[in-house]
C-alpha atoms as a PDB file:
ATOM      1  CA  MET A   1      11.196 -19.819  -8.200  1.00  0.00           C
ATOM      2  CA  ALA A   2      10.639 -23.525  -7.455  1.00  0.00           C
ATOM      3  CA  GLU A   3      12.805 -23.180  -4.359  1.00  0.00           C
ATOM      4  CA  ALA A   4      10.764 -20.160  -3.219  1.00  0.00           C
ATOM      5  CA  HIS A   5       7.519 -22.113  -3.661  1.00  0.00           C
ATOM      6  CA  MET A   6       8.928 -24.979  -1.610  1.00  0.00           C
ATOM      7  CA  ALA A   7       9.898 -22.578   1.178  1.00  0.00           C
ATOM      8  CA  GLU A   8       6.402 -21.100   1.143  1.00  0.00           C
ATOM      9  CA  ALA A   9       4.796 -24.541   1.245  1.00  0.00           C
ATOM     10  CA  HIS A  10       6.964 -25.499   4.228  1.00  0.00           C
ATOM     11  CA  ALA A  11       6.115 -22.254   6.062  1.00  0.00           C
ATOM     12  CA  LEU A  12       2.420 -22.751   5.344  1.00  0.00           C
ATOM     13  CA  GLN A  13       2.539 -26.271   6.766  1.00  0.00           C
ATOM     14  CA  SER A  14       4.350 -25.014   9.887  1.00  0.00           C
ATOM     15  CA  LEU A  15       1.803 -22.240  10.355  1.00  0.00           C
ATOM     16  CA  ARG A  16      -1.093 -24.688  10.067  1.00  0.00           C
ATOM     17  CA  ARG A  17       0.475 -26.860  12.772  1.00  0.00           C
ATOM     18  CA  LEU A  18       1.077 -23.897  15.027  1.00  0.00           C
ATOM     19  CA  LEU A  19      -2.542 -22.736  14.730  1.00  0.00           C
ATOM     20  CA  THR A  20      -3.662 -26.060  16.236  1.00  0.00           C
ATOM     21  CA  ASP A  21      -1.173 -25.884  19.126  1.00  0.00           C
ATOM     22  CA  GLU A  22      -3.093 -23.861  21.698  1.00  0.00           C
ATOM     23  CA  GLU A  23      -0.217 -23.556  24.159  1.00  0.00           C
ATOM     24  CA  GLN A  24       2.317 -22.279  21.618  1.00  0.00           C
ATOM     25  CA  LEU A  25      -0.248 -20.073  19.911  1.00  0.00           C
ATOM     26  CA  ASN A  26      -1.121 -18.414  23.208  1.00  0.00           C
ATOM     27  CA  LYS A  27       2.541 -17.482  23.727  1.00  0.00           C
ATOM     28  CA  LEU A  28       2.650 -15.655  20.400  1.00  0.00           C
ATOM     29  CA  LEU A  29      -0.719 -13.914  20.360  1.00  0.00           C
ATOM     30  CA  PRO A  30      -0.797 -10.217  21.288  1.00  0.00           C
ATOM     31  CA  LYS A  31      -1.993  -9.643  24.848  1.00  0.00           C
ATOM     32  CA  ASP A  32      -5.324  -8.169  23.724  1.00  0.00           C
ATOM     33  CA  HIS A  33      -6.200 -11.327  21.774  1.00  0.00           C
ATOM     34  CA  LYS A  34      -5.102 -14.138  24.108  1.00  0.00           C
ATOM     35  CA  THR A  35      -8.623 -14.796  25.422  1.00  0.00           C
ATOM     36  CA  ASN A  36     -10.463 -14.269  22.134  1.00  0.00           C
ATOM     37  CA  ALA A  37     -11.727 -17.776  21.286  1.00  0.00           C
ATOM     38  CA  ASP A  38     -13.679 -16.544  18.254  1.00  0.00           C
ATOM     39  CA  LEU A  39     -10.529 -15.042  16.773  1.00  0.00           C
ATOM     40  CA  ARG A  40      -8.622 -18.308  17.230  1.00  0.00           C
ATOM     41  CA  SER A  41     -11.381 -20.180  15.429  1.00  0.00           C
ATOM     42  CA  GLU A  42     -11.288 -17.649  12.632  1.00  0.00           C
ATOM     43  CA  MET A  43      -7.529 -18.039  12.292  1.00  0.00           C
ATOM     44  CA  LEU A  44      -8.017 -21.778  11.791  1.00  0.00           C
ATOM     45  CA  ARG A  45     -10.667 -21.227   9.104  1.00  0.00           C
ATOM     46  CA  GLN A  46      -8.538 -19.049   6.832  1.00  0.00           C
ATOM     47  CA  GLN A  47      -7.719 -20.329   3.364  1.00  0.00           C
ATOM     48  CA  ASP A  48      -4.160 -20.885   2.174  1.00  0.00           C
ATOM     49  CA  VAL A  49      -4.155 -17.709   0.075  1.00  0.00           C
ATOM     50  CA  VAL A  50      -4.745 -15.618   3.201  1.00  0.00           C
ATOM     51  CA  LEU A  51      -2.079 -17.414   5.224  1.00  0.00           C
ATOM     52  CA  LEU A  52       0.458 -17.117   2.411  1.00  0.00           C
ATOM     53  CA  MET A  53      -0.204 -13.382   2.056  1.00  0.00           C
ATOM     54  CA  LEU A  54       0.456 -12.926   5.774  1.00  0.00           C
ATOM     55  CA  LEU A  55       3.526 -15.179   5.748  1.00  0.00           C
ATOM     56  CA  ARG A  56       5.054 -13.277   2.831  1.00  0.00           C
ATOM     57  CA  ALA A  57       4.571 -10.024   4.714  1.00  0.00           C
ATOM     58  CA  ARG A  58       6.795 -11.463   7.445  1.00  0.00           C
ATOM     59  CA  LYS A  59       9.300 -13.128   5.092  1.00  0.00           C
ATOM     60  CA  LEU A  60       7.937 -16.590   5.976  1.00  0.00           C
ATOM     61  CA  ASP A  61       8.783 -16.136   9.658  1.00  0.00           C
ATOM     62  CA  VAL A  62       5.983 -18.220  11.202  1.00  0.00           C
ATOM     63  CA  PRO A  63       6.122 -16.920  14.813  1.00  0.00           C
ATOM     64  CA  ARG A  64       6.145 -13.291  13.613  1.00  0.00           C
ATOM     65  CA  THR A  65       3.159 -14.020  11.371  1.00  0.00           C
ATOM     66  CA  ILE A  66       0.890 -14.905  14.316  1.00  0.00           C
ATOM     67  CA  PRO A  67       0.586 -11.357  15.805  1.00  0.00           C
ATOM     68  CA  LEU A  68       0.089  -9.889  12.325  1.00  0.00           C
ATOM     69  CA  MET A  69      -2.596 -12.432  11.533  1.00  0.00           C
ATOM     70  CA  ALA A  70      -4.444 -11.804  14.792  1.00  0.00           C
ATOM     71  CA  ASN A  71      -4.366  -8.030  14.342  1.00  0.00           C
ATOM     72  CA  TYR A  72      -5.351  -8.263  10.678  1.00  0.00           C
ATOM     73  CA  LEU A  73      -8.369 -10.490  11.265  1.00  0.00           C
ATOM     74  CA  HIS A  74      -9.473  -8.547  14.340  1.00  0.00           C
ATOM     75  CA  ALA A  75      -9.313  -5.253  12.431  1.00  0.00           C
ATOM     76  CA  HIS A  76     -11.764  -6.532   9.833  1.00  0.00           C
ATOM     77  CA  HIS A  77     -14.391  -6.730  12.551  1.00  0.00           C
ATOM     78  CA  THR A  78     -13.565  -3.656  14.592  1.00  0.00           C
ATOM     79  CA  ASP A  79     -11.826  -1.016  12.457  1.00  0.00           C
ATOM     80  CA  PRO A  80     -14.040   1.109  10.156  1.00  0.00           C
ATOM     81  CA  TRP A  81     -11.104   1.522   7.753  1.00  0.00           C
ATOM     82  CA  PHE A  82     -11.427  -2.185   6.927  1.00  0.00           C
ATOM     83  CA  ALA A  83     -15.092  -1.931   5.988  1.00  0.00           C
ATOM     84  CA  PRO A  84     -16.089  -2.924   2.430  1.00  0.00           C
ATOM     85  CA  PHE A  85     -16.114   0.048   0.074  1.00  0.00           C
ATOM     86  CA  PRO A  86     -17.749   0.314  -3.370  1.00  0.00           C
ATOM     87  CA  ALA A  87     -15.137   0.024  -6.109  1.00  0.00           C
ATOM     88  CA  VAL A  88     -16.577   2.797  -8.265  1.00  0.00           C
ATOM     89  CA  ARG A  89     -16.715   5.216  -5.335  1.00  0.00           C
ATOM     90  CA  ALA A  90     -13.126   4.369  -4.426  1.00  0.00           C
ATOM     91  CA  ALA A  91     -11.976   4.923  -8.011  1.00  0.00           C
ATOM     92  CA  ARG A  92     -13.781   8.291  -8.220  1.00  0.00           C
ATOM     93  CA  LEU A  93     -12.052   9.469  -5.060  1.00  0.00           C
ATOM     94  CA  LEU A  94      -8.653   8.212  -6.184  1.00  0.00           C
ATOM     95  CA  GLU A  95      -9.019  10.087  -9.485  1.00  0.00           C
ATOM     96  CA  GLN A  96      -8.677  13.314  -7.508  1.00  0.00           C
ATOM     97  CA  PHE A  97      -5.262  12.469  -6.109  1.00  0.00           C
ATOM     98  CA  PRO A  98      -1.901  12.998  -7.828  1.00  0.00           C
ATOM     99  CA  MET A  99      -0.831   9.513  -6.816  1.00  0.00           C
ATOM    100  CA  THR A 100      -0.536   6.387  -8.890  1.00  0.00           C
ATOM    101  CA  ILE A 101       0.572   2.799  -8.992  1.00  0.00           C
ATOM    102  CA  LEU A 102       3.034   2.322 -11.845  1.00  0.00           C
ATOM    103  CA  PRO A 103       2.494  -0.342 -14.517  1.00  0.00           C
ATOM    104  CA  THR A 104       6.125  -1.403 -14.016  1.00  0.00           C
ATOM    105  CA  ARG A 105       8.207  -2.672 -11.096  1.00  0.00           C
ATOM    106  CA  ASP A 106      11.558  -1.552  -9.796  1.00  0.00           C
ATOM    107  CA  ASN A 107      14.719  -3.629 -10.145  1.00  0.00           C
ATOM    108  CA  HIS A 108      13.878  -5.513  -6.948  1.00  0.00           C
ATOM    109  CA  GLY A 109      10.473  -6.638  -8.187  1.00  0.00           C
ATOM    110  CA  CYS A 110       8.583  -4.199  -5.960  1.00  0.00           C
ATOM    111  CA  ALA A 111       5.344  -2.574  -6.992  1.00  0.00           C
ATOM    112  CA  VAL A 112       5.820   1.203  -7.119  1.00  0.00           C
ATOM    113  CA  PHE A 113       3.492   3.739  -5.571  1.00  0.00           C
ATOM    114  CA  ALA A 114       4.182   7.326  -6.698  1.00  0.00           C
ATOM    115  CA  ILE A 115       2.903  10.630  -5.345  1.00  0.00           C
ATOM    116  CA  THR A 116       3.739  13.176  -8.009  1.00  0.00           C
ATOM    117  CA  ASP A 117       2.496  16.310  -6.214  1.00  0.00           C
ATOM    118  CA  VAL A 118       2.284  16.152  -2.413  1.00  0.00           C
ATOM    119  CA  SER A 119       1.080  19.756  -2.179  1.00  0.00           C
ATOM    120  CA  ARG A 120      -1.898  19.020  -4.435  1.00  0.00           C
ATOM    121  CA  MET A 121      -2.631  15.889  -2.444  1.00  0.00           C
ATOM    122  CA  CYS A 122      -2.771  17.950   0.757  1.00  0.00           C
ATOM    123  CA  GLU A 123      -5.213  20.354  -0.923  1.00  0.00           C
ATOM    124  CA  VAL A 124      -7.540  17.469  -1.799  1.00  0.00           C
ATOM    125  CA  VAL A 125      -7.399  16.086   1.729  1.00  0.00           C
ATOM    126  CA  THR A 126      -8.015  19.550   3.206  1.00  0.00           C
ATOM    127  CA  ALA A 127     -10.947  20.224   0.892  1.00  0.00           C
ATOM    128  CA  SER A 128     -12.569  16.907   1.703  1.00  0.00           C
ATOM    129  CA  GLY A 129     -15.189  16.943   4.408  1.00  0.00           C
ATOM    130  CA  ASN A 130     -14.792  13.222   4.995  1.00  0.00           C
ATOM    131  CA  HIS A 131     -11.279  12.015   5.752  1.00  0.00           C
ATOM    132  CA  ASN A 132     -12.631   8.596   6.669  1.00  0.00           C
ATOM    133  CA  GLU A 133     -14.009   8.081   3.167  1.00  0.00           C
ATOM    134  CA  LEU A 134     -10.663   9.033   1.651  1.00  0.00           C
ATOM    135  CA  MET A 135      -8.973   6.431   3.818  1.00  0.00           C
ATOM    136  CA  LEU A 136     -11.514   3.801   2.787  1.00  0.00           C
ATOM    137  CA  ALA A 137     -10.598   4.508  -0.836  1.00  0.00           C
ATOM    138  CA  TRP A 138      -6.889   4.272  -0.007  1.00  0.00           C
ATOM    139  CA  MET A 139      -7.448   0.962   1.785  1.00  0.00           C
ATOM    140  CA  TRP A 140      -9.392  -0.342  -1.216  1.00  0.00           C
ATOM    141  CA  MET A 141      -6.423   0.485  -3.441  1.00  0.00           C
ATOM    142  CA  MET A 142      -4.009  -1.242  -1.057  1.00  0.00           C
ATOM    143  CA  ARG A 143      -6.204  -4.357  -0.953  1.00  0.00           C
ATOM    144  CA  ARG A 144      -6.302  -4.472  -4.734  1.00  0.00           C
ATOM    145  CA  LEU A 145      -2.522  -4.059  -4.863  1.00  0.00           C
ATOM    146  CA  LEU A 146      -2.049  -7.007  -2.519  1.00  0.00           C
ATOM    147  CA  LEU A 147      -3.939  -9.369  -4.817  1.00  0.00           C
ATOM    148  CA  ASP A 148      -0.685  -9.727  -6.739  1.00  0.00           C
ATOM    149  CA  GLU A 149       1.535 -12.466  -5.321  1.00  0.00           C
ATOM    150  CA  ASP A 150       4.701 -10.764  -6.596  1.00  0.00           C
ATOM    151  CA  THR A 151       3.768  -7.676  -4.582  1.00  0.00           C
ATOM    152  CA  GLN A 152       3.147  -9.841  -1.528  1.00  0.00           C
ATOM    153  CA  ARG A 153       6.619 -11.359  -1.918  1.00  0.00           C
ATOM    154  CA  ASN A 154       8.649  -8.319  -2.939  1.00  0.00           C
ATOM    155  CA  GLY A 155       6.775  -5.459  -1.312  1.00  0.00           C
ATOM    156  CA  VAL A 156       6.266  -1.862  -2.365  1.00  0.00           C
ATOM    157  CA  SER A 157       8.576   1.053  -3.064  1.00  0.00           C
ATOM    158  CA  VAL A 158       7.311   4.617  -2.764  1.00  0.00           C
ATOM    159  CA  ILE A 159       8.383   7.803  -4.555  1.00  0.00           C
ATOM    160  CA  GLU A 160       7.086  11.165  -3.300  1.00  0.00           C
ATOM    161  CA  ASP A 161       7.751  14.479  -5.067  1.00  0.00           C
ATOM    162  CA  LEU A 162       7.694  17.381  -2.601  1.00  0.00           C
ATOM    163  CA  SER A 163       9.025  19.999  -5.019  1.00  0.00           C
ATOM    164  CA  GLY A 164       5.716  21.893  -4.971  1.00  0.00           C
ATOM    165  CA  PHE A 165       5.077  21.434  -1.277  1.00  0.00           C
ATOM    166  CA  THR A 166       4.224  24.869   0.123  1.00  0.00           C
ATOM    167  CA  ILE A 167       4.914  26.224   3.577  1.00  0.00           C
ATOM    168  CA  ALA A 168       1.178  26.811   3.999  1.00  0.00           C
ATOM    169  CA  ALA A 169       0.495  23.117   3.352  1.00  0.00           C
ATOM    170  CA  ALA A 170       3.186  22.119   5.843  1.00  0.00           C
ATOM    171  CA  LYS A 171       1.717  24.364   8.539  1.00  0.00           C
ATOM    172  CA  HIS A 172      -1.766  23.006   7.865  1.00  0.00           C
ATOM    173  CA  MET A 173      -0.613  19.410   8.193  1.00  0.00           C
ATOM    174  CA  ARG A 174       1.374  20.134  11.357  1.00  0.00           C
ATOM    175  CA  ASP A 175      -1.492  22.001  13.027  1.00  0.00           C
ATOM    176  CA  ASN A 176      -4.329  19.701  11.906  1.00  0.00           C
ATOM    177  CA  PRO A 177      -5.000  17.134  14.666  1.00  0.00           C
ATOM    178  CA  GLU A 178      -7.287  15.062  12.431  1.00  0.00           C
ATOM    179  CA  TYR A 179      -4.660  14.797   9.717  1.00  0.00           C
ATOM    180  CA  MET A 180      -1.880  13.900  12.160  1.00  0.00           C
ATOM    181  CA  GLU A 181      -4.090  11.291  13.820  1.00  0.00           C
ATOM    182  CA  MET A 182      -4.797   9.802  10.394  1.00  0.00           C
ATOM    183  CA  GLU A 183      -1.068   9.594   9.650  1.00  0.00           C
ATOM    184  CA  LYS A 184      -0.432   8.049  13.059  1.00  0.00           C
ATOM    185  CA  LYS A 185      -3.041   5.380  12.405  1.00  0.00           C
ATOM    186  CA  LYS A 186      -1.616   4.636   8.948  1.00  0.00           C
ATOM    187  CA  ALA A 187       1.814   4.124  10.515  1.00  0.00           C
ATOM    188  CA  HIS A 188       0.347   1.803  13.141  1.00  0.00           C
ATOM    189  CA  LEU A 189      -1.453  -0.234  10.483  1.00  0.00           C
ATOM    190  CA  ALA A 190       1.755  -0.567   8.461  1.00  0.00           C
ATOM    191  CA  LYS A 191       3.623  -1.746  11.559  1.00  0.00           C
ATOM    192  CA  GLU A 192       1.141  -4.075  13.253  1.00  0.00           C
ATOM    193  CA  THR A 193      -1.825  -4.899  11.044  1.00  0.00           C
ATOM    194  CA  TRP A 194      -1.479  -4.438   7.300  1.00  0.00           C
ATOM    195  CA  PRO A 195       0.325  -7.286   5.452  1.00  0.00           C
ATOM    196  CA  ILE A 196       2.439  -5.176   3.155  1.00  0.00           C
ATOM    197  CA  ARG A 197       6.190  -4.628   3.082  1.00  0.00           C
ATOM    198  CA  TYR A 198       7.654  -1.219   2.275  1.00  0.00           C
ATOM    199  CA  ARG A 199      11.116  -1.731   0.855  1.00  0.00           C
ATOM    200  CA  ARG A 200      12.068   1.901   0.314  1.00  0.00           C
ATOM    201  CA  VAL A 201      10.464   5.349   0.486  1.00  0.00           C
ATOM    202  CA  MET A 202      12.202   7.934  -1.709  1.00  0.00           C
ATOM    203  CA  ILE A 203      11.291  11.570  -0.998  1.00  0.00           C
ATOM    204  CA  LEU A 204      12.363  14.056  -3.650  1.00  0.00           C
ATOM    205  CA  ASP A 205      13.044  17.777  -3.195  1.00  0.00           C
ATOM    206  CA  ALA A 206      11.753  18.122   0.344  1.00  0.00           C
ATOM    207  CA  PRO A 207      11.878  21.790   1.478  1.00  0.00           C
ATOM    208  CA  TRP A 208      13.523  22.758   4.763  1.00  0.00           C
ATOM    209  CA  TYR A 209      10.194  23.099   6.555  1.00  0.00           C
ATOM    210  CA  ILE A 210       9.389  19.412   6.055  1.00  0.00           C
ATOM    211  CA  ASP A 211      11.236  19.043   9.363  1.00  0.00           C
ATOM    212  CA  TRP A 212       8.100  20.367  11.104  1.00  0.00           C
ATOM    213  CA  ILE A 213       6.189  17.288   9.969  1.00  0.00           C
ATOM    214  CA  TRP A 214       9.039  14.783   9.929  1.00  0.00           C
ATOM    215  CA  LYS A 215       9.887  15.363  13.601  1.00  0.00           C
ATOM    216  CA  VAL A 216       6.337  14.376  14.540  1.00  0.00           C
ATOM    217  CA  SER A 217       5.744  11.698  11.901  1.00  0.00           C
ATOM    218  CA  LYS A 218       8.907   9.727  12.600  1.00  0.00           C
ATOM    219  CA  MET A 219       7.776   9.155  16.190  1.00  0.00           C
ATOM    220  CA  PHE A 220       5.020   6.917  14.800  1.00  0.00           C
ATOM    221  CA  LEU A 221       7.444   4.801  12.743  1.00  0.00           C
ATOM    222  CA  THR A 222       9.596   1.848  13.688  1.00  0.00           C
ATOM    223  CA  ALA A 223      13.366   2.225  13.545  1.00  0.00           C
ATOM    224  CA  LYS A 224      13.427  -0.137  10.567  1.00  0.00           C
ATOM    225  CA  MET A 225      10.869   1.963   8.681  1.00  0.00           C
ATOM    226  CA  ARG A 226      12.755   5.193   9.427  1.00  0.00           C
ATOM    227  CA  GLU A 227      15.888   3.613   7.953  1.00  0.00           C
ATOM    228  CA  ARG A 228      14.011   2.923   4.710  1.00  0.00           C
ATOM    229  CA  ILE A 229      13.015   6.553   4.172  1.00  0.00           C
ATOM    230  CA  HIS A 230      15.522   8.500   2.090  1.00  0.00           C
ATOM    231  CA  PHE A 231      15.565  12.172   1.058  1.00  0.00           C
ATOM    232  CA  PHE A 232      16.975  13.285  -2.294  1.00  0.00           C
ATOM    233  CA  ASN A 233      17.143  16.451  -4.356  1.00  0.00           C
ATOM    234  CA  ARG A 234      17.001  16.779  -8.153  1.00  0.00           C
ATOM    235  CA  ASN A 235      20.775  16.572  -8.353  1.00  0.00           C
ATOM    236  CA  GLN A 236      20.606  13.115  -6.782  1.00  0.00           C
ATOM    237  CA  LEU A 237      18.141  11.524  -9.198  1.00  0.00           C
ATOM    238  CA  GLY A 238      20.817   8.977  -9.984  1.00  0.00           C
ATOM    239  CA  GLU A 239      20.196   7.508  -6.519  1.00  0.00           C
ATOM    240  CA  ILE A 240      16.583   6.831  -7.495  1.00  0.00           C
ATOM    241  CA  LYS A 241      17.414   5.725 -11.032  1.00  0.00           C
ATOM    242  CA  ALA A 242      19.688   3.017  -9.628  1.00  0.00           C
ATOM    243  CA  ASP A 243      16.557   1.106  -8.602  1.00  0.00           C
ATOM    244  CA  PHE A 244      14.900   1.373 -12.024  1.00  0.00           C
ATOM    245  CA  THR A 245      15.450   0.855 -15.706  1.00  0.00           C
ATOM    246  CA  PRO A 246      14.734   4.048 -17.699  1.00  0.00           C
ATOM    247  CA  SER A 247      11.546   2.528 -19.133  1.00  0.00           C
ATOM    248  CA  SER A 248      10.188   1.702 -15.661  1.00  0.00           C
ATOM    249  CA  LEU A 249      10.679   5.179 -14.173  1.00  0.00           C
ATOM    250  CA  PRO A 250       8.172   7.976 -14.949  1.00  0.00           C
ATOM    251  CA  VAL A 251       9.232  10.900 -17.087  1.00  0.00           C
ATOM    252  CA  GLU A 252       8.791  13.322 -14.173  1.00  0.00           C
ATOM    253  CA  PHE A 253      11.466  11.408 -12.250  1.00  0.00           C
ATOM    254  CA  GLY A 254      13.969  11.250 -15.078  1.00  0.00           C
ATOM    255  CA  GLY A 255      12.829   8.079 -16.834  1.00  0.00           C
ATOM    256  CA  THR A 256      10.907   7.442 -20.051  1.00  0.00           C
ATOM    257  CA  LEU A 257       7.772   5.751 -18.661  1.00  0.00           C
ATOM    258  CA  LYS A 258       4.419   7.165 -19.746  1.00  0.00           C
ATOM    259  CA  TYR A 259       1.180   5.657 -18.480  1.00  0.00           C
ATOM    260  CA  ASN A 260      -2.442   6.384 -17.568  1.00  0.00           C
ATOM    261  CA  PHE A 261      -3.401   5.353 -14.032  1.00  0.00           C
ATOM    262  CA  GLY A 262      -7.030   5.372 -15.147  1.00  0.00           C
ATOM    263  CA  GLU A 263      -6.316   2.053 -16.880  1.00  0.00           C
ATOM    264  CA  TRP A 264      -5.406   0.477 -13.541  1.00  0.00           C
ATOM    265  CA  LEU A 265      -8.505   1.882 -11.845  1.00  0.00           C
ATOM    266  CA  LEU A 266     -10.740   0.634 -14.655  1.00  0.00           C
ATOM    267  CA  ALA A 267      -9.240  -2.869 -14.574  1.00  0.00           C
ATOM    268  CA  GLN A 268      -9.688  -3.140 -10.795  1.00  0.00           C
ATOM    269  CA  VAL A 269     -13.293  -1.898 -10.882  1.00  0.00           C
ATOM    270  CA  GLN A 270     -14.153  -4.271 -13.741  1.00  0.00           C
ATOM    271  CA  ASP A 271     -12.570  -7.154 -11.856  1.00  0.00           C
ATOM    272  CA  GLU A 272     -14.933  -6.547  -8.940  1.00  0.00           C
ATOM    273  CA  ASP A 273     -17.932  -5.730 -11.126  1.00  0.00           C
ATOM    274  CA  PRO A 274     -17.755  -6.964 -14.742  1.00  0.00           C
ATOM    275  CA  ASP A 275     -21.002  -5.133 -15.562  1.00  0.00           C
ATOM    276  CA  THR A 276     -19.802  -1.764 -14.291  1.00  0.00           C
ATOM    277  CA  LYS A 277     -20.452   1.397 -16.302  1.00  0.00           C
ATOM    278  CA  TYR A 278     -17.418   3.075 -14.755  1.00  0.00           C
ATOM    279  CA  VAL A 279     -15.232   5.168 -17.055  1.00  0.00           C
ATOM    280  CA  PRO A 280     -12.138   6.913 -15.641  1.00  0.00           C
ATOM    281  CA  GLY A 281     -12.670  10.626 -15.112  1.00  0.00           C
ATOM    282  CA  GLY A 282     -10.612  13.607 -14.047  1.00  0.00           C
ATOM    283  CA  ILE A 283      -7.248  13.976 -15.758  1.00  0.00           C
ATOM    284  CA  TYR A 284      -7.359  10.334 -16.840  1.00  0.00           C
ATOM    285  CA  ALA A 285     -10.351  10.946 -19.097  1.00  0.00           C
ATOM    286  CA  THR A 286      -8.336  13.196 -21.407  1.00  0.00           C
ATOM    287  CA  MET A 287      -4.957  11.468 -21.233  1.00  0.00           C
ATOM    288  CA  PRO A 288      -3.872   9.014 -23.924  1.00  0.00           C
ATOM    289  CA  THR A 289      -4.015   5.322 -23.030  1.00  0.00           C
ATOM    290  CA  SER A 290      -1.867   2.399 -24.058  1.00  0.00           C
ATOM    291  CA  SER A 291      -4.519   1.471 -26.622  1.00  0.00           C
ATOM    292  CA  THR A 292      -4.506   4.918 -28.249  1.00  0.00           C
ATOM    293  CA  ASP A 293      -0.813   5.788 -27.922  1.00  0.00           C
ATOM    294  CA  PRO A 294       1.834   3.041 -28.254  1.00  0.00           C
ATOM    295  CA  SER A 295       4.310   5.129 -26.249  1.00  0.00           C
ATOM    296  CA  PHE A 296       2.141   4.568 -23.156  1.00  0.00           C
ATOM    297  CA  THR A 297       2.904   1.417 -21.163  1.00  0.00           C
ATOM    298  CA  PRO A 298      -0.080  -0.875 -20.488  1.00  0.00           C
ATOM    299  CA  TYR A 299      -0.771  -2.302 -17.054  1.00  0.00           C
ATOM    300  CA  PRO A 300      -0.330  -6.059 -16.549  1.00  0.00           C
ATOM    301  CA  LYS A 301      -3.502  -8.091 -16.639  1.00  0.00           C
ATOM    302  CA  CYS A 302      -5.454  -7.843 -13.407  1.00  0.00           C
ATOM    303  CA  LYS A 303      -4.808 -10.806 -11.121  1.00  0.00           C
ATOM    304  CA  SER A 304      -8.033 -11.728  -9.399  1.00  0.00           C
ATOM    305  CA  VAL A 305      -7.314 -13.707  -6.210  1.00  0.00           C
ATOM    306  CA  GLU A 306      -9.688 -13.814  -3.275  1.00  0.00           C
ATOM    307  CA  VAL A 307      -7.671 -13.165  -0.113  1.00  0.00           C
ATOM    308  CA  GLU A 308     -10.412 -12.569   2.451  1.00  0.00           C
ATOM    309  CA  THR A 309     -12.710 -15.227   3.872  1.00  0.00           C
ATOM    310  CA  PHE A 310     -14.392 -13.400   6.714  1.00  0.00           C
END
């Protein structure tokens, strides 16, 4: 770990030097930002915690960090998805989704994001009259996830269960321009703007008609990201289990982990607003918690680190 900290300190020092070298910086900035003097000044003003988050997203590659940094800072001023969003409202929206962040990490140290019922998730998105608000809640969750330095360093793994994914849901997604545009934008953010690393995406029990969506979706992804997406069926759970200990993999995926995602939501909301009256609702209101059932795994203590200085 000491060696890793030294490497980060060296990369941070190199990045600071590069930000003051106008000629070299101009060579690395994306074309759209080369003449933006305000953006350059903002890049210089960023605190170390912001620069380190961006460097870790690019594996401490300083030149590759510059375009990411420029896009990331610019988006905070121009993209409505980067607008501040009330924590309680975000948590209430996220309660509706069958998706969670696990209280454990995989064997590579990655945070794990799990979607346990993609079909149900599509129903929630379809029923919502405000896709933009749903994305603001998702972005809030991603920002909270990135407060953890281990997640910045190791990235995120994703597990998606498509066993209940209906043909009607697939047709709706394929034929819904708003939904496909939203997915396209998410892919662009992951590629160019959002400082998070996806190590592996594991898709379980995808039906044959997922090809309708995959053929379109993969056009938005980089070759590297496409290589990290893997499809498995229930008979291949061993492939997924290889990345986890039994106690770090949820029961529904063949492990022994039990948890209540409401605990994570509550901790994040309280971290932003210690006086909040928020209490997890939906399915999380009736589920056991780690304080009421010792078989449930608690979430690590919330790490509060300010990473935005805009």
